[in-house]
Protein backbone atom coordinates (compact mmCIF):
# COMPACT_ATOMS: atom_id res chain seq x y z
CA MET A 1 1.92 -8.02 9.87
CA SER A 2 0.41 -6.00 7.02
CA LEU A 3 -1.71 -7.59 4.34
CA VAL A 4 0.90 -6.87 1.67
CA ALA A 5 3.58 -8.49 3.86
CA GLU A 6 1.46 -11.58 4.38
CA THR A 7 0.51 -11.75 0.70
CA VAL A 8 4.14 -11.60 -0.46
CA LYS A 9 5.35 -14.13 2.11
CA VAL A 10 2.54 -16.65 1.62
CA ARG A 11 2.41 -16.41 -2.17
CA ARG A 12 6.19 -16.68 -2.49
CA ALA A 13 6.10 -19.85 -0.37
CA GLU A 14 3.20 -21.25 -2.42
CA LEU A 15 5.24 -20.78 -5.58
CA GLY A 16 8.32 -22.39 -4.01
CA LEU A 17 10.46 -19.28 -4.50
CA ASP A 18 13.14 -18.17 -2.11
CA GLN A 19 13.56 -14.47 -1.34
CA ALA A 20 16.60 -14.12 -3.61
CA THR A 21 14.75 -15.59 -6.61
CA LEU A 22 11.74 -13.34 -6.07
CA ALA A 23 14.06 -10.35 -5.64
CA ALA A 24 15.76 -11.11 -8.96
CA LYS A 25 12.40 -11.37 -10.74
CA VAL A 26 11.30 -8.00 -9.35
CA GLY A 27 14.66 -6.23 -9.75
CA VAL A 28 15.38 -5.57 -6.08
CA GLY A 29 17.72 -7.01 -3.47
CA GLN A 30 16.89 -9.99 -1.25
CA GLN A 31 16.89 -7.73 1.82
CA THR A 32 14.17 -5.63 0.21
CA VAL A 33 11.94 -8.69 -0.14
CA SER A 34 12.70 -9.57 3.48
CA ARG A 35 11.62 -6.08 4.60
CA TRP A 36 8.41 -6.38 2.57
CA GLU A 37 7.63 -9.74 4.19
CA THR A 38 8.21 -8.50 7.73
CA GLY A 39 6.27 -5.30 7.15
CA ALA A 40 9.36 -3.16 7.77
CA ALA A 41 8.89 -1.61 4.32
CA MET A 42 6.26 -1.40 1.61
CA PRO A 43 6.98 -2.03 -2.06
CA ARG A 44 7.57 1.16 -4.02
CA ARG A 45 4.98 1.95 -6.65
CA GLU A 46 7.46 1.20 -9.44
CA HIS A 47 7.97 -2.37 -8.11
CA VAL A 48 4.34 -3.36 -7.57
CA LEU A 49 3.56 -4.49 -11.13
CA ALA A 50 6.70 -6.63 -11.39
CA LEU A 51 5.99 -8.06 -7.93
CA ALA A 52 2.40 -8.89 -8.90
CA ASP A 53 3.64 -10.58 -12.08
CA ALA A 54 6.29 -12.58 -10.20
CA LEU A 55 3.74 -13.71 -7.59
CA ASP A 56 0.95 -14.25 -10.14
CA VAL A 57 -1.50 -12.09 -8.16
CA ASP A 58 -3.88 -9.36 -9.27
CA ALA A 59 -1.88 -6.16 -9.73
CA GLY A 60 -4.81 -3.95 -8.70
CA LEU A 61 -5.11 -5.78 -5.40
CA LEU A 62 -1.39 -5.57 -4.73
CA TYR A 63 -1.32 -1.85 -5.55
CA ARG A 64 -4.09 -1.29 -3.00
CA LEU A 65 -2.45 -3.46 -0.33
CA ALA A 66 0.74 -1.45 -0.79
CA GLY A 67 -1.19 1.81 -0.39
CA TYR A 68 -1.46 2.92 -4.01
CA LEU A 69 -4.26 3.23 -6.50
CA PRO A 70 -3.74 1.18 -9.66
CA PRO A 71 -2.41 3.41 -12.48
CA GLU A 72 -5.68 3.25 -14.43
CA GLU A 73 -7.55 4.64 -11.40
CA SER A 74 -5.05 7.35 -10.50
CA SER A 75 -6.02 10.98 -10.88
CA SER A 76 -3.86 14.01 -11.47
CA LEU A 77 -3.52 14.18 -7.67
CA ALA A 78 -1.99 10.71 -7.38
CA SER A 79 1.53 11.99 -6.80
CA ALA A 80 0.32 14.33 -4.04
CA PHE A 81 -1.59 11.44 -2.43
CA THR A 82 1.46 9.18 -2.63
CA THR A 83 3.65 11.87 -1.08
CA ILE A 84 1.25 12.44 1.81
CA PHE A 85 0.75 8.69 2.33
CA GLY A 86 4.50 8.14 2.47
CA ARG A 87 4.99 10.99 4.94
CA LEU A 88 2.21 10.07 7.38
CA PRO A 89 4.73 8.99 10.05
CA GLU A 90 6.11 12.54 10.05
CA LEU A 91 2.77 14.12 10.97
CA SER A 92 2.10 15.13 14.54
CA ASP A 93 -0.85 13.50 16.28
CA GLN A 94 -2.85 16.70 15.81
CA GLU A 95 -2.05 16.92 12.09
CA LEU A 96 -2.98 13.28 11.61
CA LEU A 97 -6.28 13.72 13.45
CA LEU A 98 -7.12 16.80 11.38
CA LEU A 99 -6.37 14.94 8.16
CA LEU A 100 -8.48 11.97 9.21
CA ASP A 101 -11.35 14.20 10.34
CA ARG A 102 -11.36 16.11 7.06
CA ALA A 103 -11.18 12.89 5.03
CA TRP A 104 -14.14 11.36 6.92
CA GLU A 105 -16.09 14.59 6.56
CA GLU A 106 -15.57 14.50 2.79
CA HIS A 107 -16.48 10.81 2.60
CA ARG A 108 -19.72 11.42 4.53
CA ARG A 109 -20.58 14.40 2.28
CA ARG A 110 -20.05 12.38 -0.91
CA HIS A 111 -22.22 9.53 0.30
CA GLY A 112 -24.94 11.57 1.98
CA LEU A 113 -24.07 10.34 5.45
CA ARG A 114 -24.55 12.38 8.58
CA ALA A 115 -21.87 12.80 11.20
CA PRO A 116 -22.45 10.74 14.35
CA VAL A 117 -24.25 12.59 17.14
CA ASP A 118 -22.90 12.52 20.69
CA ASP A 119 -25.48 11.47 23.29
């Protein structure tokens, strides 16, 4: 179960809300809430703020758990990032490995870290 799924399910229960009530507060169907809670789907960016409000949780945290940067931290590349993130399941294993390798390489460069050395 994903962290966003667990957060939605546990917090909804803590507040004594059923799925239909939460769905109405967020503006989605009850089945959508069910899919979020099982991890079958992630909340769309446009639903995260309403979901955070309905669950009385930090919106920034919920954005991150759902795989988005909070709007105030988004750059001009946010839509490209969101598109790539949403299409990860479509990548071949090789494409995914190349993307991960390049991302780690950039992270190491930014933080002055050296790549691990094989023994």
